[in-house]
Amino acid sequence: MTDNTNTNQIDPFQKQKNKEELKKHLISFALMIVFTVIAFVIVASESMEKMFVIPLIIIMAVVQVGFQFYYFMHLKERGHEMPAVMIYGGVWCALLTLAALGVITWW
């Protein structure tokens, strides 16, 4: 019996696709590290007012969450619609809960 399939060989198209995907992962990972370092430097140096630091850190955190969802959790790819719906539904529920608690607390 001979095995006609060679699993060690990857076609050139798939190899190029994997290379591009790795490049995107590394770039997004580097950007997340840079955002984290920037946040630490801003807080540690106390060079900005607290009123500006908190929104800036929140914005950088939201960008990092986007990188996590789209690049590391592969939500941008086909076939991941159901996990995407579940994650977005969870984010929506969390936002609604925070909004409700905010209204209850400050109203």
C-alpha atoms as a PDB file:
ATOM      1  CA  MET A   1       0.000   0.000   0.000  1.00  0.00           C
ATOM      2  CA  THR A   2       1.378   3.353  -0.945  1.00  0.00           C
ATOM      3  CA  ASP A   3       0.314   6.688   0.361  1.00  0.00           C
ATOM      4  CA  ASN A   4      -0.115   9.191  -2.468  1.00  0.00           C
ATOM      5  CA  THR A   5      -0.561  12.189  -0.197  1.00  0.00           C
ATOM      6  CA  ASN A   6       2.487  13.981   1.086  1.00  0.00           C
ATOM      7  CA  THR A   7       1.519  15.964   4.170  1.00  0.00           C
ATOM      8  CA  ASN A   8       4.979  17.508   4.580  1.00  0.00           C
ATOM      9  CA  GLN A   9       4.692  19.547   1.398  1.00  0.00           C
ATOM     10  CA  ILE A  10       2.710  22.800   1.357  1.00  0.00           C
ATOM     11  CA  ASP A  11       1.702  24.415  -1.889  1.00  0.00           C
ATOM     12  CA  PRO A  12       3.315  27.821  -2.628  1.00  0.00           C
ATOM     13  CA  PHE A  13       0.011  29.700  -2.310  1.00  0.00           C
ATOM     14  CA  GLN A  14      -0.607  28.373   1.207  1.00  0.00           C
ATOM     15  CA  LYS A  15       3.004  29.073   2.159  1.00  0.00           C
ATOM     16  CA  GLN A  16       2.683  32.709   1.010  1.00  0.00           C
ATOM     17  CA  LYS A  17      -0.656  33.053   2.808  1.00  0.00           C
ATOM     18  CA  ASN A  18       0.864  31.708   6.036  1.00  0.00           C
ATOM     19  CA  LYS A  19       3.795  34.114   5.702  1.00  0.00           C
ATOM     20  CA  GLU A  20       1.475  37.116   5.279  1.00  0.00           C
ATOM     21  CA  GLU A  21      -0.645  35.978   8.228  1.00  0.00           C
ATOM     22  CA  LEU A  22       2.435  35.676  10.433  1.00  0.00           C
ATOM     23  CA  LYS A  23       3.534  39.161   9.365  1.00  0.00           C
ATOM     24  CA  LYS A  24       0.142  40.603  10.352  1.00  0.00           C
ATOM     25  CA  HIS A  25       0.270  38.803  13.705  1.00  0.00           C
ATOM     26  CA  LEU A  26       3.737  40.130  14.459  1.00  0.00           C
ATOM     27  CA  ILE A  27       2.825  43.690  13.502  1.00  0.00           C
ATOM     28  CA  SER A  28      -0.306  43.661  15.670  1.00  0.00           C
ATOM     29  CA  PHE A  29       1.639  42.100  18.559  1.00  0.00           C
ATOM     30  CA  ALA A  30       4.307  44.798  18.267  1.00  0.00           C
ATOM     31  CA  LEU A  31       1.641  47.530  18.204  1.00  0.00           C
ATOM     32  CA  MET A  32       0.018  46.099  21.328  1.00  0.00           C
ATOM     33  CA  ILE A  33       3.379  46.089  23.116  1.00  0.00           C
ATOM     34  CA  VAL A  34       4.005  49.699  22.006  1.00  0.00           C
ATOM     35  CA  PHE A  35       0.545  50.771  23.270  1.00  0.00           C
ATOM     36  CA  THR A  36       1.223  49.088  26.607  1.00  0.00           C
ATOM     37  CA  VAL A  37       4.625  50.754  26.960  1.00  0.00           C
ATOM     38  CA  ILE A  38       3.120  54.136  26.048  1.00  0.00           C
ATOM     39  CA  ALA A  39       0.412  53.698  28.694  1.00  0.00           C
ATOM     40  CA  PHE A  40       2.974  52.792  31.361  1.00  0.00           C
ATOM     41  CA  VAL A  41       5.224  55.721  30.435  1.00  0.00           C
ATOM     42  CA  ILE A  42       2.334  58.197  30.512  1.00  0.00           C
ATOM     43  CA  VAL A  43       1.176  56.999  33.917  1.00  0.00           C
ATOM     44  CA  ALA A  44       4.662  56.666  35.426  1.00  0.00           C
ATOM     45  CA  SER A  45       5.917  60.047  34.226  1.00  0.00           C
ATOM     46  CA  GLU A  46       2.758  61.904  35.273  1.00  0.00           C
ATOM     47  CA  SER A  47       3.377  64.223  32.333  1.00  0.00           C
ATOM     48  CA  MET A  48      -0.313  64.596  31.500  1.00  0.00           C
ATOM     49  CA  GLU A  49      -3.313  65.560  33.555  1.00  0.00           C
ATOM     50  CA  LYS A  50      -5.465  62.762  34.910  1.00  0.00           C
ATOM     51  CA  MET A  51      -8.401  64.063  32.889  1.00  0.00           C
ATOM     52  CA  PHE A  52      -6.544  63.246  29.652  1.00  0.00           C
ATOM     53  CA  VAL A  53      -4.724  60.102  30.784  1.00  0.00           C
ATOM     54  CA  ILE A  54      -7.785  58.006  31.584  1.00  0.00           C
ATOM     55  CA  PRO A  55      -9.561  58.454  28.206  1.00  0.00           C
ATOM     56  CA  LEU A  56      -6.263  57.899  26.369  1.00  0.00           C
ATOM     57  CA  ILE A  57      -5.656  54.630  28.203  1.00  0.00           C
ATOM     58  CA  ILE A  58      -9.227  53.510  27.547  1.00  0.00           C
ATOM     59  CA  ILE A  59      -8.866  54.258  23.825  1.00  0.00           C
ATOM     60  CA  MET A  60      -5.593  52.312  23.638  1.00  0.00           C
ATOM     61  CA  ALA A  61      -7.228  49.418  25.504  1.00  0.00           C
ATOM     62  CA  VAL A  62     -10.134  49.323  23.033  1.00  0.00           C
ATOM     63  CA  VAL A  63      -7.674  49.275  20.115  1.00  0.00           C
ATOM     64  CA  GLN A  64      -5.805  46.403  21.749  1.00  0.00           C
ATOM     65  CA  VAL A  65      -9.043  44.471  22.227  1.00  0.00           C
ATOM     66  CA  GLY A  66      -9.767  44.976  18.524  1.00  0.00           C
ATOM     67  CA  PHE A  67      -6.344  43.573  17.636  1.00  0.00           C
ATOM     68  CA  GLN A  68      -6.997  40.601  19.909  1.00  0.00           C
ATOM     69  CA  PHE A  69     -10.379  39.878  18.350  1.00  0.00           C
ATOM     70  CA  TYR A  70      -9.455  40.269  14.706  1.00  0.00           C
ATOM     71  CA  TYR A  71      -5.927  38.920  14.546  1.00  0.00           C
ATOM     72  CA  PHE A  72      -5.385  36.519  17.434  1.00  0.00           C
ATOM     73  CA  MET A  73      -8.922  35.157  17.734  1.00  0.00           C
ATOM     74  CA  HIS A  74      -9.299  35.057  13.914  1.00  0.00           C
ATOM     75  CA  LEU A  75     -12.708  36.752  13.898  1.00  0.00           C
ATOM     76  CA  LYS A  76     -11.936  38.343  10.538  1.00  0.00           C
ATOM     77  CA  GLU A  77     -11.799  34.963   8.787  1.00  0.00           C
ATOM     78  CA  ARG A  78     -14.620  33.069   7.171  1.00  0.00           C
ATOM     79  CA  GLY A  79     -16.216  30.289   9.161  1.00  0.00           C
ATOM     80  CA  HIS A  80     -15.955  32.116  12.479  1.00  0.00           C
ATOM     81  CA  GLU A  81     -19.327  33.804  12.351  1.00  0.00           C
ATOM     82  CA  MET A  82     -20.844  32.029  15.359  1.00  0.00           C
ATOM     83  CA  PRO A  83     -17.929  32.744  17.736  1.00  0.00           C
ATOM     84  CA  ALA A  84     -17.990  36.354  16.510  1.00  0.00           C
ATOM     85  CA  VAL A  85     -21.717  36.631  17.258  1.00  0.00           C
ATOM     86  CA  MET A  86     -21.170  35.193  20.737  1.00  0.00           C
ATOM     87  CA  ILE A  87     -18.258  37.518  21.524  1.00  0.00           C
ATOM     88  CA  TYR A  88     -20.032  40.604  20.199  1.00  0.00           C
ATOM     89  CA  GLY A  89     -23.155  39.581  22.120  1.00  0.00           C
ATOM     90  CA  GLY A  90     -21.087  39.294  25.300  1.00  0.00           C
ATOM     91  CA  VAL A  91     -19.533  42.706  24.707  1.00  0.00           C
ATOM     92  CA  TRP A  92     -22.982  44.177  24.101  1.00  0.00           C
ATOM     93  CA  CYS A  93     -24.336  42.622  27.331  1.00  0.00           C
ATOM     94  CA  ALA A  94     -21.337  43.950  29.271  1.00  0.00           C
ATOM     95  CA  LEU A  95     -21.859  47.457  27.877  1.00  0.00           C
ATOM     96  CA  LEU A  96     -25.564  47.365  28.700  1.00  0.00           C
ATOM     97  CA  THR A  97     -24.795  46.186  32.232  1.00  0.00           C
ATOM     98  CA  LEU A  98     -22.241  48.950  32.749  1.00  0.00           C
ATOM     99  CA  ALA A  99     -24.652  51.541  31.371  1.00  0.00           C
ATOM    100  CA  ALA A 100     -27.444  50.305  33.641  1.00  0.00           C
ATOM    101  CA  LEU A 101     -25.192  50.343  36.699  1.00  0.00           C
ATOM    102  CA  GLY A 102     -24.008  53.835  35.770  1.00  0.00           C
ATOM    103  CA  VAL A 103     -27.569  55.106  35.454  1.00  0.00           C
ATOM    104  CA  ILE A 104     -28.579  53.487  38.743  1.00  0.00           C
ATOM    105  CA  THR A 105     -25.544  54.895  40.544  1.00  0.00           C
ATOM    106  CA  TRP A 106     -25.583  58.465  39.266  1.00  0.00           C
ATOM    107  CA  TRP A 107     -29.236  59.165  38.694  1.00  0.00           C
END
